[in-house]
Amino acid sequence: MKAFILAAGLGTRLFPYTSDRPKALVQLNGITLLERAIRKVNELNVSEIIVNIHHFGGQIIEFLEEKNFFHLPIKISDERDQLLDTGGAILKARPFLDKSEPFLVYNVDILSSIDLNELSRYHSSKGGLATMAVRDRMTDRYMVFNPEMLLSGWRNTKTGEEKLVGNNTHLQNYAFSGIQIVEPEIFSLITETGKFSVIQLYLRLAKSHDIYGFLDTSELWSDLGKPDQLIQAEQLLKQKLI
């Protein structure tokens, strides 16, 4: 399996930490978010890691070179000319990912204790086009799943906006964790171009393809996208709680 680490975001929520660096190089207890993500995805003993870059992208390349790419096969998907959102980023990285093996997509600005091997086994057992790691946590925007954990829609509980597909009974809301496994078959189904959301892509494809949710009940998941969230995670690390 390959892994695609999403590291190209502007990191506007993390300002002022990102005023002079990409969010991937913001440190959490002395270790950059990118290094933490690389360590995490390599729990799968991945065959290759792809990292996309945009904001201060050159710094990420320099960092990886200084670290000798952590002695791993790491490639760069360069989005410095245009930031593409997750869907567009996956399409941009097609030359690296369009092979015979599924690939993991992992957001650089999360901290998670998810068992990626368990996620991989679940994905393989279901045989779907993609599997999204989700949690039962409070948020404004939810992915919606039927009792078989097949993607059935999306809801914004703050605005009341809702997009449902398929069977609309006995549905459950779960929050997406920014971790997913995708089959390379998806590339033949993408008609979108440029910048686009992977969520909108999944909602379109869910009408005719199986996209599953994996309910992650592990101890920890944290969004590191805001300064207060970063500080809270720092405190937990110092207390050796994570």
Protein backbone atom coordinates (compact mmCIF):
# COMPACT_ATOMS: atom_id res chain seq x y z
CA MET A 1 0.00 0.00 0.00
CA LYS A 2 1.10 3.56 -0.71
CA ALA A 3 0.34 6.58 1.46
CA PHE A 4 -0.56 10.11 0.41
CA ILE A 5 0.00 12.76 3.09
CA LEU A 6 -2.00 15.94 2.52
CA ALA A 7 0.39 18.74 3.48
CA ALA A 8 -0.42 21.50 0.96
CA GLY A 9 -2.96 23.53 2.91
CA LEU A 10 -2.47 27.22 3.67
CA GLY A 11 -2.79 26.63 7.40
CA THR A 12 -4.76 29.86 7.86
CA ARG A 13 -6.40 28.53 11.04
CA LEU A 14 -2.94 27.99 12.54
CA PHE A 15 -1.77 31.58 12.04
CA PRO A 16 0.58 32.99 13.33
CA TYR A 17 2.40 29.63 13.43
CA THR A 18 2.11 29.45 9.64
CA SER A 19 3.21 33.02 8.91
CA ASP A 20 6.66 31.81 7.92
CA ARG A 21 6.25 28.06 7.37
CA PRO A 22 3.77 25.47 6.10
CA LYS A 23 1.50 23.84 8.65
CA ALA A 24 3.28 20.55 7.97
CA LEU A 25 6.41 22.01 9.58
CA VAL A 26 4.68 23.40 12.65
CA GLN A 27 6.04 21.48 15.63
CA LEU A 28 4.11 19.54 18.21
CA ASN A 29 6.33 18.96 21.25
CA GLY A 30 9.46 19.41 19.15
CA ILE A 31 8.42 17.17 16.27
CA THR A 32 6.89 18.51 13.07
CA LEU A 33 3.40 17.46 12.08
CA LEU A 34 4.85 16.05 8.87
CA GLU A 35 7.29 13.79 10.69
CA ARG A 36 4.50 12.58 12.97
CA ALA A 37 2.33 11.82 9.92
CA ILE A 38 5.16 9.96 8.19
CA ARG A 39 5.73 7.85 11.30
CA LYS A 40 2.02 7.13 11.54
CA VAL A 41 1.39 6.07 7.95
CA ASN A 42 4.47 3.88 8.00
CA GLU A 43 2.74 1.69 10.57
CA LEU A 44 1.45 0.04 7.40
CA ASN A 45 5.00 -0.52 6.11
CA VAL A 46 3.96 1.42 3.03
CA SER A 47 5.77 0.90 -0.26
CA GLU A 48 5.92 4.64 -0.98
CA ILE A 49 4.84 7.95 0.55
CA ILE A 50 3.65 10.92 -1.49
CA VAL A 51 3.50 14.37 0.08
CA ASN A 52 1.71 17.23 -1.64
CA ILE A 53 3.03 20.77 -1.24
CA HIS A 54 1.82 24.35 -1.84
CA HIS A 55 2.23 26.95 0.95
CA PHE A 56 6.00 27.37 1.58
CA GLY A 57 6.37 24.14 -0.36
CA GLY A 58 10.09 24.56 -0.82
CA GLN A 59 10.57 24.34 2.93
CA ILE A 60 8.98 20.89 2.96
CA ILE A 61 11.36 19.68 0.26
CA GLU A 62 14.33 21.11 2.18
CA PHE A 63 13.12 19.50 5.41
CA LEU A 64 12.79 16.08 3.78
CA GLU A 65 16.22 16.40 2.18
CA GLU A 66 17.75 17.35 5.55
CA LYS A 67 16.13 14.28 7.10
CA ASN A 68 17.36 12.12 4.21
CA PHE A 69 13.67 11.46 3.50
CA PHE A 70 13.58 9.42 6.73
CA HIS A 71 15.21 6.62 4.68
CA LEU A 72 11.86 6.04 3.02
CA PRO A 73 10.74 6.28 -0.62
CA ILE A 74 9.04 9.71 -0.45
CA LYS A 75 7.86 11.58 -3.55
CA ILE A 76 6.50 15.12 -3.93
CA SER A 77 3.21 16.05 -5.63
CA ASP A 78 3.79 19.72 -6.41
CA GLU A 79 0.73 22.00 -6.15
CA ARG A 80 2.62 25.26 -5.81
CA ASP A 81 0.94 26.58 -8.96
CA GLN A 82 -2.58 25.86 -7.65
CA LEU A 83 -4.01 24.54 -4.38
CA LEU A 84 -6.40 21.75 -5.38
CA ASP A 85 -8.40 20.63 -2.30
CA THR A 86 -8.40 16.93 -1.40
CA GLY A 87 -10.17 15.63 -4.50
CA GLY A 88 -8.03 17.64 -6.85
CA ALA A 89 -4.91 16.68 -4.89
CA ILE A 90 -5.67 12.98 -5.30
CA LEU A 91 -6.19 13.45 -9.03
CA LYS A 92 -2.97 15.47 -9.31
CA ALA A 93 -1.07 12.64 -7.62
CA ARG A 94 -2.48 10.06 -10.04
CA PRO A 95 0.93 9.31 -11.63
CA PHE A 96 2.11 8.08 -8.21
CA LEU A 97 -1.12 6.40 -7.05
CA ASP A 98 -2.76 4.87 -10.14
CA LYS A 99 -1.29 1.42 -9.69
CA SER A 100 -2.67 -1.97 -8.70
CA GLU A 101 -2.72 -1.30 -4.94
CA PRO A 102 -5.02 0.76 -2.71
CA PHE A 103 -3.61 3.88 -1.10
CA LEU A 104 -3.99 5.59 2.26
CA VAL A 105 -4.79 9.31 2.35
CA TYR A 106 -3.84 11.02 5.62
CA ASN A 107 -4.26 14.67 6.65
CA VAL A 108 -1.03 16.12 8.07
CA ASP A 109 -2.85 18.23 10.69
CA ILE A 110 -4.40 15.44 12.74
CA LEU A 111 -3.15 13.35 15.65
CA SER A 112 -4.72 9.93 15.88
CA SER A 113 -4.29 6.62 17.66
CA ILE A 114 -6.25 4.77 14.98
CA ASP A 115 -5.00 1.27 14.17
CA LEU A 116 -4.21 1.68 10.47
CA ASN A 117 -3.73 -2.06 10.03
CA GLU A 118 -7.24 -2.64 11.35
CA LEU A 119 -8.52 0.01 8.94
CA SER A 120 -6.70 -1.71 6.07
CA ARG A 121 -8.15 -5.11 6.96
CA TYR A 122 -11.64 -3.62 7.17
CA HIS A 123 -11.25 -1.97 3.77
CA SER A 124 -10.07 -5.22 2.19
CA SER A 125 -12.92 -7.22 3.72
CA LYS A 126 -15.58 -4.82 2.42
CA GLY A 127 -14.27 -4.59 -1.13
CA GLY A 128 -15.56 -1.05 -1.62
CA LEU A 129 -14.19 1.77 -3.71
CA ALA A 130 -13.08 3.68 -0.61
CA THR A 131 -13.24 3.54 3.16
CA MET A 132 -13.46 6.68 5.30
CA ALA A 133 -12.35 6.58 8.93
CA VAL A 134 -15.05 8.25 11.03
CA ARG A 135 -15.72 8.89 14.71
CA ASP A 136 -18.73 9.49 16.89
CA ARG A 137 -17.84 13.04 17.91
CA MET A 138 -19.39 16.50 17.92
CA THR A 139 -18.97 18.70 14.85
CA ASP A 140 -21.10 20.77 12.48
CA ARG A 141 -20.55 18.66 9.38
CA TYR A 142 -21.23 14.96 9.27
CA MET A 143 -20.98 12.10 6.83
CA VAL A 144 -24.16 10.03 6.86
CA PHE A 145 -24.14 6.21 6.76
CA ASN A 146 -26.77 3.48 6.61
CA PRO A 147 -26.76 0.48 9.00
CA GLU A 148 -24.25 -1.32 6.75
CA MET A 149 -21.93 1.70 7.06
CA LEU A 150 -22.35 2.59 3.41
CA LEU A 151 -22.06 6.29 2.66
CA SER A 152 -25.55 7.70 2.27
CA GLY A 153 -25.09 11.46 2.46
CA TRP A 154 -23.74 14.53 4.19
CA ARG A 155 -25.24 16.98 6.70
CA ASN A 156 -24.38 20.39 8.07
CA THR A 157 -26.25 20.63 11.35
CA LYS A 158 -25.36 24.31 11.73
CA THR A 159 -26.86 25.47 8.42
CA GLY A 160 -29.40 22.69 7.93
CA GLU A 161 -27.93 21.81 4.55
CA GLU A 162 -28.29 18.14 3.66
CA LYS A 163 -27.34 15.93 0.71
CA LEU A 164 -28.60 12.36 0.80
CA VAL A 165 -28.10 9.48 -1.61
CA GLY A 166 -29.60 6.00 -1.66
CA ASN A 167 -31.71 4.59 1.16
CA ASN A 168 -32.70 7.40 3.54
CA THR A 169 -33.86 5.34 6.54
CA HIS A 170 -32.04 4.43 9.77
CA LEU A 171 -29.16 6.77 9.00
CA GLN A 172 -26.37 7.68 11.40
CA ASN A 173 -24.15 10.76 11.51
CA TYR A 174 -20.41 10.35 11.94
CA ALA A 175 -17.55 12.83 11.72
CA PHE A 176 -14.87 12.23 9.09
CA SER A 177 -11.39 11.85 10.56
CA GLY A 178 -9.29 12.93 7.57
CA ILE A 179 -8.06 9.36 7.05
CA GLN A 180 -9.18 7.16 4.16
CA ILE A 181 -8.19 4.24 1.99
CA VAL A 182 -8.97 4.43 -1.71
CA GLU A 183 -8.83 1.96 -4.58
CA PRO A 184 -7.00 3.14 -7.73
CA GLU A 185 -10.16 2.30 -9.68
CA ILE A 186 -11.40 5.71 -8.57
CA PHE A 187 -9.26 7.45 -11.17
CA SER A 188 -11.33 6.02 -14.02
CA LEU A 189 -14.46 7.42 -12.36
CA ILE A 190 -13.29 10.99 -11.75
CA THR A 191 -14.80 13.47 -14.19
CA GLU A 192 -14.00 16.53 -12.08
CA THR A 193 -11.01 18.68 -12.93
CA GLY A 194 -8.91 21.29 -11.14
CA LYS A 195 -9.83 22.06 -7.55
CA PHE A 196 -12.61 19.91 -6.07
CA SER A 197 -13.69 18.28 -2.85
CA VAL A 198 -13.29 14.56 -2.27
CA ILE A 199 -16.53 14.68 -0.27
CA GLN A 200 -18.48 15.90 -3.29
CA LEU A 201 -16.78 13.23 -5.38
CA TYR A 202 -17.78 10.52 -2.91
CA LEU A 203 -21.37 11.73 -2.74
CA ARG A 204 -21.60 11.50 -6.52
CA LEU A 205 -19.98 8.07 -6.68
CA ALA A 206 -21.96 6.67 -3.73
CA LYS A 207 -25.02 6.50 -5.99
CA SER A 208 -23.44 3.61 -7.88
CA HIS A 209 -20.40 2.47 -5.88
CA ASP A 210 -19.83 1.24 -2.35
CA ILE A 211 -18.03 3.73 -0.12
CA TYR A 212 -17.79 2.56 3.47
CA GLY A 213 -17.27 4.15 6.83
CA PHE A 214 -14.92 2.62 9.39
CA LEU A 215 -15.94 3.56 12.91
CA ASP A 216 -12.75 4.39 14.76
CA THR A 217 -13.19 3.94 18.52
CA SER A 218 -9.51 4.27 19.42
CA GLU A 219 -8.55 6.50 22.33
CA LEU A 220 -7.42 9.59 20.51
CA TRP A 221 -8.26 11.80 17.58
CA SER A 222 -7.38 15.47 17.52
CA ASP A 223 -7.56 18.22 14.91
CA LEU A 224 -4.34 20.23 15.09
CA GLY A 225 -5.60 22.97 12.80
CA LYS A 226 -5.91 25.76 15.40
CA PRO A 227 -3.42 27.17 17.94
CA ASP A 228 -5.55 26.21 20.95
CA GLN A 229 -5.85 22.63 19.66
CA LEU A 230 -2.09 22.48 19.19
CA ILE A 231 -1.52 23.75 22.73
CA GLN A 232 -3.95 21.20 24.15
CA ALA A 233 -2.18 18.37 22.32
CA GLU A 234 1.17 19.66 23.61
CA GLN A 235 -0.13 19.44 27.17
CA LEU A 236 -1.35 15.89 26.64
CA LEU A 237 2.03 14.87 25.25
CA LYS A 238 3.86 16.41 28.21
CA GLN A 239 1.58 14.47 30.56
CA LYS A 240 2.39 11.34 28.51
CA LEU A 241 -1.29 10.78 27.95
CA ILE A 242 -0.75 10.30 24.21
